[in-house]
Amino acid sequence: MRDRLPNSNWIYATMNHIEFPAVYQFLSGYFNQDYSLDFGSPDEVVNSFLTDEPREVIDALSKELDRFIPLVHGSNDPDALLAEFDCYYTPLPHGQSVGGWLEKIQAQLRNWHNLRDSHD
């Protein structure tokens, strides 16, 4: 999709705020340029998100990831897509694809949701 659109950088920059505000907030807020100073691993970042944010924010991220992950899988340059969402983490050096990493996060969100539902 990105290669067929003129001025795709502007379109993706706009899309990240408008179509995927929860994804943008998560990636830019939790995986910012200082994430590695604050956390020992990406899993710690996700755990912090799950601890710090209200259920509505977590649910919004999970719903948006359902739509966002297929776009990542269809992207010619998923790392650039993460960068356009102001994310400073790249999973490739850790043996994961961008899509696989986001799917892992989605699974963590769903697991958290299921645990919360079982205790409510």
PDB file of N, CA and C in Angstrom:
ATOM      1  N   MET A   1       0.820  -1.182   0.000  1.00  0.00           N
ATOM      2  CA  MET A   1       0.000   0.000   0.000  1.00  0.00           C
ATOM      3  C   MET A   1       0.868   1.250   0.000  1.00  0.00           C
ATOM      4  N   ARG A   2       1.893   1.252   0.795  1.00  0.00           N
ATOM      5  CA  ARG A   2       2.716   2.430   0.938  1.00  0.00           C
ATOM      6  C   ARG A   2       3.395   2.822  -0.363  1.00  0.00           C
ATOM      7  N   ASP A   3       3.869   1.856  -1.130  1.00  0.00           N
ATOM      8  CA  ASP A   3       4.595   2.165  -2.357  1.00  0.00           C
ATOM      9  C   ASP A   3       3.698   2.743  -3.443  1.00  0.00           C
ATOM     10  N   ARG A   4       2.408   2.522  -3.348  1.00  0.00           N
ATOM     11  CA  ARG A   4       1.495   3.010  -4.377  1.00  0.00           C
ATOM     12  C   ARG A   4       0.989   4.418  -4.090  1.00  0.00           C
ATOM     13  N   LEU A   5       1.256   4.928  -2.927  1.00  0.00           N
ATOM     14  CA  LEU A   5       0.698   6.211  -2.537  1.00  0.00           C
ATOM     15  C   LEU A   5       1.733   7.314  -2.678  1.00  0.00           C
ATOM     16  N   PRO A   6       1.337   8.456  -3.265  1.00  0.00           N
ATOM     17  CA  PRO A   6       2.263   9.576  -3.328  1.00  0.00           C
ATOM     18  C   PRO A   6       2.473  10.145  -1.931  1.00  0.00           C
ATOM     19  N   ASN A   7       3.677  10.666  -1.712  1.00  0.00           N
ATOM     20  CA  ASN A   7       3.989  11.317  -0.442  1.00  0.00           C
ATOM     21  C   ASN A   7       3.627  10.415   0.732  1.00  0.00           C
ATOM     22  N   SER A   8       4.054   9.153   0.646  1.00  0.00           N
ATOM     23  CA  SER A   8       3.646   8.163   1.632  1.00  0.00           C
ATOM     24  C   SER A   8       4.133   8.490   3.034  1.00  0.00           C
ATOM     25  N   ASN A   9       5.266   9.168   3.185  1.00  0.00           N
ATOM     26  CA  ASN A   9       5.720   9.516   4.532  1.00  0.00           C
ATOM     27  C   ASN A   9       4.711  10.410   5.224  1.00  0.00           C
ATOM     28  N   TRP A  10       4.179  11.381   4.516  1.00  0.00           N
ATOM     29  CA  TRP A  10       3.172  12.257   5.104  1.00  0.00           C
ATOM     30  C   TRP A  10       1.908  11.472   5.428  1.00  0.00           C
ATOM     31  N   ILE A  11       1.503  10.591   4.524  1.00  0.00           N
ATOM     32  CA  ILE A  11       0.291   9.805   4.735  1.00  0.00           C
ATOM     33  C   ILE A  11       0.444   8.917   5.964  1.00  0.00           C
ATOM     34  N   TYR A  12       1.578   8.239   6.096  1.00  0.00           N
ATOM     35  CA  TYR A  12       1.775   7.377   7.262  1.00  0.00           C
ATOM     36  C   TYR A  12       1.892   8.185   8.543  1.00  0.00           C
ATOM     37  N   ALA A  13       2.545   9.336   8.479  1.00  0.00           N
ATOM     38  CA  ALA A  13       2.643  10.177   9.670  1.00  0.00           C
ATOM     39  C   ALA A  13       1.261  10.622  10.111  1.00  0.00           C
ATOM     40  N   THR A  14       0.404  10.941   9.157  1.00  0.00           N
ATOM     41  CA  THR A  14      -0.965  11.336   9.483  1.00  0.00           C
ATOM     42  C   THR A  14      -1.751  10.125   9.969  1.00  0.00           C
ATOM     43  N   MET A  15      -1.586   8.994   9.299  1.00  0.00           N
ATOM     44  CA  MET A  15      -2.324   7.786   9.657  1.00  0.00           C
ATOM     45  C   MET A  15      -2.020   7.363  11.085  1.00  0.00           C
ATOM     46  N   ASN A  16      -0.771   7.476  11.504  1.00  0.00           N
ATOM     47  CA  ASN A  16      -0.437   6.974  12.829  1.00  0.00           C
ATOM     48  C   ASN A  16      -1.179   7.715  13.923  1.00  0.00           C
ATOM     49  N   HIS A  17      -1.426   8.987  13.728  1.00  0.00           N
ATOM     50  CA  HIS A  17      -2.155   9.764  14.733  1.00  0.00           C
ATOM     51  C   HIS A  17      -3.661   9.600  14.616  1.00  0.00           C
ATOM     52  N   ILE A  18      -4.151   9.527  13.417  1.00  0.00           N
ATOM     53  CA  ILE A  18      -5.602   9.524  13.191  1.00  0.00           C
ATOM     54  C   ILE A  18      -6.191   8.128  13.275  1.00  0.00           C
ATOM     55  N   GLU A  19      -5.639   7.181  12.536  1.00  0.00           N
ATOM     56  CA  GLU A  19      -6.223   5.845  12.470  1.00  0.00           C
ATOM     57  C   GLU A  19      -5.805   4.936  13.620  1.00  0.00           C
ATOM     58  N   PHE A  20      -4.631   5.183  14.175  1.00  0.00           N
ATOM     59  CA  PHE A  20      -4.095   4.296  15.205  1.00  0.00           C
ATOM     60  C   PHE A  20      -3.545   5.101  16.390  1.00  0.00           C
ATOM     61  N   PRO A  21      -4.378   5.907  17.043  1.00  0.00           N
ATOM     62  CA  PRO A  21      -3.853   6.732  18.136  1.00  0.00           C
ATOM     63  C   PRO A  21      -3.321   5.915  19.312  1.00  0.00           C
ATOM     64  N   ALA A  22      -3.946   4.798  19.633  1.00  0.00           N
ATOM     65  CA  ALA A  22      -3.467   3.986  20.761  1.00  0.00           C
ATOM     66  C   ALA A  22      -2.142   3.304  20.415  1.00  0.00           C
ATOM     67  N   VAL A  23      -2.012   2.830  19.178  1.00  0.00           N
ATOM     68  CA  VAL A  23      -0.745   2.229  18.737  1.00  0.00           C
ATOM     69  C   VAL A  23       0.355   3.285  18.763  1.00  0.00           C
ATOM     70  N   TYR A  24       0.032   4.470  18.235  1.00  0.00           N
ATOM     71  CA  TYR A  24       1.025   5.549  18.230  1.00  0.00           C
ATOM     72  C   TYR A  24       1.439   5.907  19.655  1.00  0.00           C
ATOM     73  N   GLN A  25       0.486   6.063  20.546  1.00  0.00           N
ATOM     74  CA  GLN A  25       0.795   6.433  21.922  1.00  0.00           C
ATOM     75  C   GLN A  25       1.661   5.367  22.601  1.00  0.00           C
ATOM     76  N   PHE A  26       1.320   4.102  22.365  1.00  0.00           N
ATOM     77  CA  PHE A  26       2.091   3.003  22.950  1.00  0.00           C
ATOM     78  C   PHE A  26       3.520   2.975  22.411  1.00  0.00           C
ATOM     79  N   LEU A  27       3.659   2.968  21.086  1.00  0.00           N
ATOM     80  CA  LEU A  27       4.990   2.849  20.496  1.00  0.00           C
ATOM     81  C   LEU A  27       5.848   4.075  20.769  1.00  0.00           C
ATOM     82  N   SER A  28       5.277   5.261  20.626  1.00  0.00           N
ATOM     83  CA  SER A  28       6.071   6.476  20.826  1.00  0.00           C
ATOM     84  C   SER A  28       6.285   6.786  22.302  1.00  0.00           C
ATOM     85  N   GLY A  29       5.332   6.404  23.141  1.00  0.00           N
ATOM     86  CA  GLY A  29       5.440   6.710  24.557  1.00  0.00           C
ATOM     87  C   GLY A  29       6.248   5.703  25.345  1.00  0.00           C
ATOM     88  N   TYR A  30       6.071   4.434  25.035  1.00  0.00           N
ATOM     89  CA  TYR A  30       6.750   3.387  25.803  1.00  0.00           C
ATOM     90  C   TYR A  30       8.035   2.894  25.147  1.00  0.00           C
ATOM     91  N   PHE A  31       8.119   2.966  23.844  1.00  0.00           N
ATOM     92  CA  PHE A  31       9.331   2.552  23.142  1.00  0.00           C
ATOM     93  C   PHE A  31      10.014   3.775  22.536  1.00  0.00           C
ATOM     94  N   ASN A  32      10.107   4.834  23.344  1.00  0.00           N
ATOM     95  CA  ASN A  32      10.749   6.069  22.908  1.00  0.00           C
ATOM     96  C   ASN A  32      12.267   5.912  22.925  1.00  0.00           C
ATOM     97  N   GLN A  33      12.967   6.988  22.626  1.00  0.00           N
ATOM     98  CA  GLN A  33      14.426   6.907  22.523  1.00  0.00           C
ATOM     99  C   GLN A  33      15.102   6.520  23.829  1.00  0.00           C
ATOM    100  N   ASP A  34      14.427   6.646  24.963  1.00  0.00           N
ATOM    101  CA  ASP A  34      15.023   6.310  26.257  1.00  0.00           C
ATOM    102  C   ASP A  34      14.530   4.998  26.844  1.00  0.00           C
ATOM    103  N   TYR A  35      13.761   4.231  26.088  1.00  0.00           N
ATOM    104  CA  TYR A  35      13.164   3.016  26.670  1.00  0.00           C
ATOM    105  C   TYR A  35      14.227   2.074  27.247  1.00  0.00           C
ATOM    106  N   SER A  36      15.355   1.968  26.591  1.00  0.00           N
ATOM    107  CA  SER A  36      16.387   1.027  27.061  1.00  0.00           C
ATOM    108  C   SER A  36      17.081   1.517  28.331  1.00  0.00           C
ATOM    109  N   LEU A  37      16.960   2.792  28.637  1.00  0.00           N
ATOM    110  CA  LEU A  37      17.501   3.313  29.894  1.00  0.00           C
ATOM    111  C   LEU A  37      16.556   3.021  31.062  1.00  0.00           C
ATOM    112  N   ASP A  38      15.270   2.950  30.749  1.00  0.00           N
ATOM    113  CA  ASP A  38      14.247   2.771  31.776  1.00  0.00           C
ATOM    114  C   ASP A  38      13.885   1.310  32.023  1.00  0.00           C
ATOM    115  N   PHE A  39      14.114   0.450  31.030  1.00  0.00           N
ATOM    116  CA  PHE A  39      13.664  -0.937  31.110  1.00  0.00           C
ATOM    117  C   PHE A  39      14.773  -1.878  30.653  1.00  0.00           C
ATOM    118  N   GLY A  40      14.784  -3.073  31.223  1.00  0.00           N
ATOM    119  CA  GLY A  40      15.791  -4.068  30.877  1.00  0.00           C
ATOM    120  C   GLY A  40      15.473  -4.865  29.628  1.00  0.00           C
ATOM    121  N   SER A  41      14.202  -4.877  29.237  1.00  0.00           N
ATOM    122  CA  SER A  41      13.807  -5.668  28.068  1.00  0.00           C
ATOM    123  C   SER A  41      12.493  -5.132  27.515  1.00  0.00           C
ATOM    124  N   PRO A  42      12.169  -5.489  26.289  1.00  0.00           N
ATOM    125  CA  PRO A  42      10.871  -5.091  25.729  1.00  0.00           C
ATOM    126  C   PRO A  42       9.696  -5.659  26.535  1.00  0.00           C
ATOM    127  N   ASP A  43       9.860  -6.856  27.092  1.00  0.00           N
ATOM    128  CA  ASP A  43       8.786  -7.415  27.916  1.00  0.00           C
ATOM    129  C   ASP A  43       8.524  -6.557  29.151  1.00  0.00           C
ATOM    130  N   GLU A  44       9.584  -5.989  29.730  1.00  0.00           N
ATOM    131  CA  GLU A  44       9.407  -5.088  30.868  1.00  0.00           C
ATOM    132  C   GLU A  44       8.644  -3.834  30.456  1.00  0.00           C
ATOM    133  N   VAL A  45       8.874  -3.367  29.239  1.00  0.00           N
ATOM    134  CA  VAL A  45       8.144  -2.199  28.733  1.00  0.00           C
ATOM    135  C   VAL A  45       6.650  -2.522  28.669  1.00  0.00           C
ATOM    136  N   VAL A  46       6.318  -3.671  28.098  1.00  0.00           N
ATOM    137  CA  VAL A  46       4.914  -4.072  27.967  1.00  0.00           C
ATOM    138  C   VAL A  46       4.296  -4.260  29.350  1.00  0.00           C
ATOM    139  N   ASN A  47       5.025  -4.884  30.262  1.00  0.00           N
ATOM    140  CA  ASN A  47       4.506  -5.068  31.624  1.00  0.00           C
ATOM    141  C   ASN A  47       4.249  -3.733  32.307  1.00  0.00           C
ATOM    142  N   SER A  48       5.111  -2.755  32.077  1.00  0.00           N
ATOM    143  CA  SER A  48       4.906  -1.425  32.639  1.00  0.00           C
ATOM    144  C   SER A  48       3.637  -0.803  32.069  1.00  0.00           C
ATOM    145  N   PHE A  49       3.439  -0.944  30.773  1.00  0.00           N
ATOM    146  CA  PHE A  49       2.220  -0.441  30.130  1.00  0.00           C
ATOM    147  C   PHE A  49       0.996  -1.074  30.775  1.00  0.00           C
ATOM    148  N   LEU A  50       1.032  -2.379  30.966  1.00  0.00           N
ATOM    149  CA  LEU A  50      -0.115  -3.085  31.545  1.00  0.00           C
ATOM    150  C   LEU A  50      -0.350  -2.700  33.004  1.00  0.00           C
ATOM    151  N   THR A  51       0.687  -2.318  33.699  1.00  0.00           N
ATOM    152  CA  THR A  51       0.567  -1.893  35.093  1.00  0.00           C
ATOM    153  C   THR A  51       0.107  -0.437  35.210  1.00  0.00           C
ATOM    154  N   ASP A  52       0.614   0.408  34.319  1.00  0.00           N
ATOM    155  CA  ASP A  52       0.399   1.852  34.435  1.00  0.00           C
ATOM    156  C   ASP A  52      -0.899   2.360  33.806  1.00  0.00           C
ATOM    157  N   GLU A  53      -1.356   1.704  32.773  1.00  0.00           N
ATOM    158  CA  GLU A  53      -2.473   2.257  31.999  1.00  0.00           C
ATOM    159  C   GLU A  53      -3.819   1.674  32.436  1.00  0.00           C
ATOM    160  N   PRO A  54      -4.876   2.468  32.303  1.00  0.00           N
ATOM    161  CA  PRO A  54      -6.213   1.951  32.624  1.00  0.00           C
ATOM    162  C   PRO A  54      -6.688   0.942  31.575  1.00  0.00           C
ATOM    163  N   ARG A  55      -7.627   0.143  31.971  1.00  0.00           N
ATOM    164  CA  ARG A  55      -8.151  -0.920  31.105  1.00  0.00           C
ATOM    165  C   ARG A  55      -8.616  -0.393  29.743  1.00  0.00           C
ATOM    166  N   GLU A  56      -9.221   0.771  29.714  1.00  0.00           N
ATOM    167  CA  GLU A  56      -9.729   1.327  28.457  1.00  0.00           C
ATOM    168  C   GLU A  56      -8.603   1.569  27.454  1.00  0.00           C
ATOM    169  N   VAL A  57      -7.468   2.020  27.940  1.00  0.00           N
ATOM    170  CA  VAL A  57      -6.317   2.273  27.065  1.00  0.00           C
ATOM    171  C   VAL A  57      -5.753   0.954  26.550  1.00  0.00           C
ATOM    172  N   ILE A  58      -5.665  -0.034  27.417  1.00  0.00           N
ATOM    173  CA  ILE A  58      -5.169  -1.361  27.023  1.00  0.00           C
ATOM    174  C   ILE A  58      -6.107  -1.987  26.002  1.00  0.00           C
ATOM    175  N   ASP A  59      -7.409  -1.888  26.234  1.00  0.00           N
ATOM    176  CA  ASP A  59      -8.388  -2.428  25.287  1.00  0.00           C
ATOM    177  C   ASP A  59      -8.296  -1.724  23.935  1.00  0.00           C
ATOM    178  N   ALA A  60      -8.107  -0.405  23.958  1.00  0.00           N
ATOM    179  CA  ALA A  60      -8.004   0.354  22.703  1.00  0.00           C
ATOM    180  C   ALA A  60      -6.777  -0.093  21.915  1.00  0.00           C
ATOM    181  N   LEU A  61      -5.656  -0.296  22.612  1.00  0.00           N
ATOM    182  CA  LEU A  61      -4.452  -0.767  21.916  1.00  0.00           C
ATOM    183  C   LEU A  61      -4.685  -2.136  21.302  1.00  0.00           C
ATOM    184  N   SER A  62      -5.294  -3.035  22.046  1.00  0.00           N
ATOM    185  CA  SER A  62      -5.543  -4.377  21.536  1.00  0.00           C
ATOM    186  C   SER A  62      -6.415  -4.339  20.282  1.00  0.00           C
ATOM    187  N   LYS A  63      -7.454  -3.543  20.296  1.00  0.00           N
ATOM    188  CA  LYS A  63      -8.344  -3.427  19.133  1.00  0.00           C
ATOM    189  C   LYS A  63      -7.616  -2.836  17.933  1.00  0.00           C
ATOM    190  N   GLU A  64      -6.801  -1.819  18.171  1.00  0.00           N
ATOM    191  CA  GLU A  64      -6.066  -1.222  17.058  1.00  0.00           C
ATOM    192  C   GLU A  64      -5.010  -2.169  16.502  1.00  0.00           C
ATOM    193  N   LEU A  65      -4.371  -2.944  17.366  1.00  0.00           N
ATOM    194  CA  LEU A  65      -3.376  -3.906  16.875  1.00  0.00           C
ATOM    195  C   LEU A  65      -4.010  -4.937  15.949  1.00  0.00           C
ATOM    196  N   ASP A  66      -5.272  -5.275  16.182  1.00  0.00           N
ATOM    197  CA  ASP A  66      -5.960  -6.201  15.275  1.00  0.00           C
ATOM    198  C   ASP A  66      -5.977  -5.670  13.844  1.00  0.00           C
ATOM    199  N   ARG A  67      -6.062  -4.365  13.683  1.00  0.00           N
ATOM    200  CA  ARG A  67      -6.067  -3.749  12.350  1.00  0.00           C
ATOM    201  C   ARG A  67      -4.670  -3.387  11.873  1.00  0.00           C
ATOM    202  N   PHE A  68      -3.781  -3.083  12.820  1.00  0.00           N
ATOM    203  CA  PHE A  68      -2.443  -2.605  12.480  1.00  0.00           C
ATOM    204  C   PHE A  68      -1.503  -3.732  12.055  1.00  0.00           C
ATOM    205  N   ILE A  69      -1.570  -4.859  12.723  1.00  0.00           N
ATOM    206  CA  ILE A  69      -0.645  -5.965  12.440  1.00  0.00           C
ATOM    207  C   ILE A  69      -0.723  -6.420  10.974  1.00  0.00           C
ATOM    208  N   PRO A  70      -1.913  -6.564  10.378  1.00  0.00           N
ATOM    209  CA  PRO A  70      -1.933  -6.931   8.954  1.00  0.00           C
ATOM    210  C   PRO A  70      -1.233  -5.901   8.052  1.00  0.00           C
ATOM    211  N   LEU A  71      -1.311  -4.621   8.403  1.00  0.00           N
ATOM    212  CA  LEU A  71      -0.599  -3.599   7.629  1.00  0.00           C
ATOM    213  C   LEU A  71       0.909  -3.781   7.740  1.00  0.00           C
ATOM    214  N   VAL A  72       1.364  -4.144   8.930  1.00  0.00           N
ATOM    215  CA  VAL A  72       2.797  -4.388   9.133  1.00  0.00           C
ATOM    216  C   VAL A  72       3.241  -5.583   8.294  1.00  0.00           C
ATOM    217  N   HIS A  73       2.446  -6.648   8.317  1.00  0.00           N
ATOM    218  CA  HIS A  73       2.802  -7.834   7.519  1.00  0.00           C
ATOM    219  C   HIS A  73       2.817  -7.515   6.028  1.00  0.00           C
ATOM    220  N   GLY A  74       2.005  -6.567   5.582  1.00  0.00           N
ATOM    221  CA  GLY A  74       1.954  -6.188   4.175  1.00  0.00           C
ATOM    222  C   GLY A  74       2.946  -5.117   3.779  1.00  0.00           C
ATOM    223  N   SER A  75       3.681  -4.591   4.743  1.00  0.00           N
ATOM    224  CA  SER A  75       4.621  -3.507   4.474  1.00  0.00           C
ATOM    225  C   SER A  75       5.913  -4.038   3.868  1.00  0.00           C
ATOM    226  N   ASN A  76       6.464  -3.273   2.925  1.00  0.00           N
ATOM    227  CA  ASN A  76       7.768  -3.614   2.348  1.00  0.00           C
ATOM    228  C   ASN A  76       8.905  -3.295   3.305  1.00  0.00           C
ATOM    229  N   ASP A  77       8.651  -2.414   4.270  1.00  0.00           N
ATOM    230  CA  ASP A  77       9.693  -2.008   5.211  1.00  0.00           C
ATOM    231  C   ASP A  77       9.079  -1.797   6.595  1.00  0.00           C
ATOM    232  N   PRO A  78       8.807  -2.897   7.314  1.00  0.00           N
ATOM    233  CA  PRO A  78       8.167  -2.771   8.622  1.00  0.00           C
ATOM    234  C   PRO A  78       8.976  -1.965   9.632  1.00  0.00           C
ATOM    235  N   ASP A  79      10.317  -2.018   9.562  1.00  0.00           N
ATOM    236  CA  ASP A  79      11.129  -1.219  10.481  1.00  0.00           C
ATOM    237  C   ASP A  79      10.894   0.274  10.259  1.00  0.00           C
ATOM    238  N   ALA A  80      10.780   0.682   9.011  1.00  0.00           N
ATOM    239  CA  ALA A  80      10.502   2.085   8.714  1.00  0.00           C
ATOM    240  C   ALA A  80       9.117   2.472   9.218  1.00  0.00           C
ATOM    241  N   LEU A  81       8.184   1.547   9.137  1.00  0.00           N
ATOM    242  CA  LEU A  81       6.840   1.810   9.654  1.00  0.00           C
ATOM    243  C   LEU A  81       6.892   2.056  11.158  1.00  0.00           C
ATOM    244  N   LEU A  82       7.662   1.250  11.900  1.00  0.00           N
ATOM    245  CA  LEU A  82       7.825   1.489  13.335  1.00  0.00           C
ATOM    246  C   LEU A  82       8.437   2.861  13.585  1.00  0.00           C
ATOM    247  N   ALA A  83       9.432   3.215  12.800  1.00  0.00           N
ATOM    248  CA  ALA A  83      10.080   4.521  12.970  1.00  0.00           C
ATOM    249  C   ALA A  83       9.089   5.656  12.725  1.00  0.00           C
ATOM    250  N   GLU A  84       8.187   5.480  11.769  1.00  0.00           N
ATOM    251  CA  GLU A  84       7.189   6.508  11.497  1.00  0.00           C
ATOM    252  C   GLU A  84       6.186   6.646  12.638  1.00  0.00           C
ATOM    253  N   PHE A  85       6.122   5.635  13.484  1.00  0.00           N
ATOM    254  CA  PHE A  85       5.291   5.702  14.684  1.00  0.00           C
ATOM    255  C   PHE A  85       6.143   6.100  15.895  1.00  0.00           C
ATOM    256  N   ASP A  86       7.319   6.665  15.628  1.00  0.00           N
ATOM    257  CA  ASP A  86       8.247   7.148  16.653  1.00  0.00           C
ATOM    258  C   ASP A  86       8.646   6.056  17.646  1.00  0.00           C
ATOM    259  N   CYS A  87       8.797   4.834  17.131  1.00  0.00           N
ATOM    260  CA  CYS A  87       9.226   3.703  17.940  1.00  0.00           C
ATOM    261  C   CYS A  87      10.721   3.499  17.727  1.00  0.00           C
ATOM    262  N   TYR A  88      11.466   3.422  18.812  1.00  0.00           N
ATOM    263  CA  TYR A  88      12.914   3.290  18.736  1.00  0.00           C
ATOM    264  C   TYR A  88      13.395   1.856  18.958  1.00  0.00           C
ATOM    265  N   TYR A  89      12.481   0.923  19.059  1.00  0.00           N
ATOM    266  CA  TYR A  89      12.849  -0.483  19.216  1.00  0.00           C
ATOM    267  C   TYR A  89      12.716  -1.179  17.878  1.00  0.00           C
ATOM    268  N   THR A  90      13.662  -2.051  17.584  1.00  0.00           N
ATOM    269  CA  THR A  90      13.540  -2.908  16.421  1.00  0.00           C
ATOM    270  C   THR A  90      13.769  -4.351  16.874  1.00  0.00           C
ATOM    271  N   PRO A  91      12.834  -5.226  16.555  1.00  0.00           N
ATOM    272  CA  PRO A  91      12.948  -6.610  17.027  1.00  0.00           C
ATOM    273  C   PRO A  91      13.876  -7.486  16.190  1.00  0.00           C
ATOM    274  N   LEU A  92      14.263  -7.052  15.007  1.00  0.00           N
ATOM    275  CA  LEU A  92      15.053  -7.906  14.112  1.00  0.00           C
ATOM    276  C   LEU A  92      16.366  -8.391  14.731  1.00  0.00           C
ATOM    277  N   PRO A  93      17.146  -7.547  15.413  1.00  0.00           N
ATOM    278  CA  PRO A  93      18.380  -8.055  16.028  1.00  0.00           C
ATOM    279  C   PRO A  93      18.135  -9.077  17.140  1.00  0.00           C
ATOM    280  N   HIS A  94      16.889  -9.166  17.598  1.00  0.00           N
ATOM    281  CA  HIS A  94      16.526 -10.100  18.660  1.00  0.00           C
ATOM    282  C   HIS A  94      15.833 -11.348  18.108  1.00  0.00           C
ATOM    283  N   GLY A  95      15.913 -11.513  16.783  1.00  0.00           N
ATOM    284  CA  GLY A  95      15.388 -12.713  16.154  1.00  0.00           C
ATOM    285  C   GLY A  95      13.898 -12.719  15.896  1.00  0.00           C
ATOM    286  N   GLN A  96      13.269 -11.557  15.912  1.00  0.00           N
ATOM    287  CA  GLN A  96      11.835 -11.483  15.641  1.00  0.00           C
ATOM    288  C   GLN A  96      11.573 -10.524  14.497  1.00  0.00           C
ATOM    289  N   SER A  97      10.522 -10.811  13.744  1.00  0.00           N
ATOM    290  CA  SER A  97      10.053  -9.853  12.754  1.00  0.00           C
ATOM    291  C   SER A  97       9.223  -8.797  13.471  1.00  0.00           C
ATOM    292  N   VAL A  98       8.997  -7.685  12.821  1.00  0.00           N
ATOM    293  CA  VAL A  98       8.162  -6.638  13.412  1.00  0.00           C
ATOM    294  C   VAL A  98       6.757  -7.173  13.650  1.00  0.00           C
ATOM    295  N   GLY A  99       6.203  -7.855  12.658  1.00  0.00           N
ATOM    296  CA  GLY A  99       4.866  -8.420  12.804  1.00  0.00           C
ATOM    297  C   GLY A  99       4.802  -9.446  13.920  1.00  0.00           C
ATOM    298  N   GLY A 100       5.815 -10.305  14.005  1.00  0.00           N
ATOM    299  CA  GLY A 100       5.860 -11.309  15.072  1.00  0.00           C
ATOM    300  C   GLY A 100       5.957 -10.674  16.445  1.00  0.00           C
ATOM    301  N   TRP A 101       6.731  -9.601  16.552  1.00  0.00           N
ATOM    302  CA  TRP A 101       6.867  -8.892  17.823  1.00  0.00           C
ATOM    303  C   TRP A 101       5.536  -8.269  18.243  1.00  0.00           C
ATOM    304  N   LEU A 102       4.853  -7.645  17.296  1.00  0.00           N
ATOM    305  CA  LEU A 102       3.551  -7.046  17.613  1.00  0.00           C
ATOM    306  C   LEU A 102       2.514  -8.124  17.958  1.00  0.00           C
ATOM    307  N   GLU A 103       2.594  -9.268  17.293  1.00  0.00           N
ATOM    308  CA  GLU A 103       1.696 -10.379  17.637  1.00  0.00           C
ATOM    309  C   GLU A 103       1.966 -10.870  19.061  1.00  0.00           C
ATOM    310  N   LYS A 104       3.238 -10.885  19.455  1.00  0.00           N
ATOM    311  CA  LYS A 104       3.584 -11.271  20.831  1.00  0.00           C
ATOM    312  C   LYS A 104       2.994 -10.274  21.826  1.00  0.00           C
ATOM    313  N   ILE A 105       3.092  -8.995  21.518  1.00  0.00           N
ATOM    314  CA  ILE A 105       2.500  -7.972  22.384  1.00  0.00           C
ATOM    315  C   ILE A 105       0.991  -8.168  22.445  1.00  0.00           C
ATOM    316  N   GLN A 106       0.375  -8.422  21.304  1.00  0.00           N
ATOM    317  CA  GLN A 106      -1.076  -8.645  21.274  1.00  0.00           C
ATOM    318  C   GLN A 106      -1.442  -9.837  22.162  1.00  0.00           C
ATOM    319  N   ALA A 107      -0.651 -10.888  22.112  1.00  0.00           N
ATOM    320  CA  ALA A 107      -0.908 -12.059  22.967  1.00  0.00           C
ATOM    321  C   ALA A 107      -0.771 -11.686  24.442  1.00  0.00           C
ATOM    322  N   GLN A 108       0.217 -10.866  24.789  1.00  0.00           N
ATOM    323  CA  GLN A 108       0.377 -10.415  26.171  1.00  0.00           C
ATOM    324  C   GLN A 108      -0.839  -9.596  26.622  1.00  0.00           C
ATOM    325  N   LEU A 109      -1.335  -8.742  25.743  1.00  0.00           N
ATOM    326  CA  LEU A 109      -2.518  -7.940  26.072  1.00  0.00           C
ATOM    327  C   LEU A 109      -3.734  -8.837  26.288  1.00  0.00           C
ATOM    328  N   ARG A 110      -3.906  -9.802  25.420  1.00  0.00           N
ATOM    329  CA  ARG A 110      -5.049 -10.719  25.560  1.00  0.00           C
ATOM    330  C   ARG A 110      -4.927 -11.570  26.824  1.00  0.00           C
ATOM    331  N   ASN A 111      -3.720 -12.017  27.125  1.00  0.00           N
ATOM    332  CA  ASN A 111      -3.502 -12.789  28.338  1.00  0.00           C
ATOM    333  C   ASN A 111      -3.828 -11.939  29.563  1.00  0.00           C
ATOM    334  N   TRP A 112      -3.375 -10.710  29.586  1.00  0.00           N
ATOM    335  CA  TRP A 112      -3.688  -9.794  30.687  1.00  0.00           C
ATOM    336  C   TRP A 112      -5.191  -9.614  30.816  1.00  0.00           C
ATOM    337  N   HIS A 113      -5.842  -9.431  29.670  1.00  0.00           N
ATOM    338  CA  HIS A 113      -7.294  -9.233  29.660  1.00  0.00           C
ATOM    339  C   HIS A 113      -8.009 -10.460  30.214  1.00  0.00           C
ATOM    340  N   ASN A 114      -7.593 -11.641  29.792  1.00  0.00           N
ATOM    341  CA  ASN A 114      -8.215 -12.889  30.274  1.00  0.00           C
ATOM    342  C   ASN A 114      -7.994 -13.065  31.773  1.00  0.00           C
ATOM    343  N   LEU A 115      -6.806 -12.741  32.258  1.00  0.00           N
ATOM    344  CA  LEU A 115      -6.537 -12.844  33.697  1.00  0.00           C
ATOM    345  C   LEU A 115      -7.389 -11.856  34.485  1.00  0.00           C
ATOM    346  N   ARG A 116      -7.531 -10.643  33.967  1.00  0.00           N
ATOM    347  CA  ARG A 116      -8.353  -9.628  34.645  1.00  0.00           C
ATOM    348  C   ARG A 116      -9.806 -10.070  34.678  1.00  0.00           C
ATOM    349  N   ASP A 117     -10.293 -10.615  33.573  1.00  0.00           N
ATOM    350  CA  ASP A 117     -11.690 -11.064  33.506  1.00  0.00           C
ATOM    351  C   ASP A 117     -11.955 -12.212  34.483  1.00  0.00           C
ATOM    352  N   SER A 118     -10.964 -13.093  34.656  1.00  0.00           N
ATOM    353  CA  SER A 118     -11.164 -14.223  35.551  1.00  0.00           C
ATOM    354  C   SER A 118     -11.156 -13.811  37.031  1.00  0.00           C
ATOM    355  N   HIS A 119     -10.564 -12.630  37.327  1.00  0.00           N
ATOM    356  CA  HIS A 119     -10.531 -12.147  38.706  1.00  0.00           C
ATOM    357  C   HIS A 119     -11.628 -11.146  39.018  1.00  0.00           C
ATOM    358  N   ASP A 120     -12.330 -10.684  38.004  1.00  0.00           N
ATOM    359  CA  ASP A 120     -13.408  -9.697  38.218  1.00  0.00           C
ATOM    360  C   ASP A 120     -14.707 -10.353  38.640  1.00  0.00           C
TER     361      ASP A 120
END
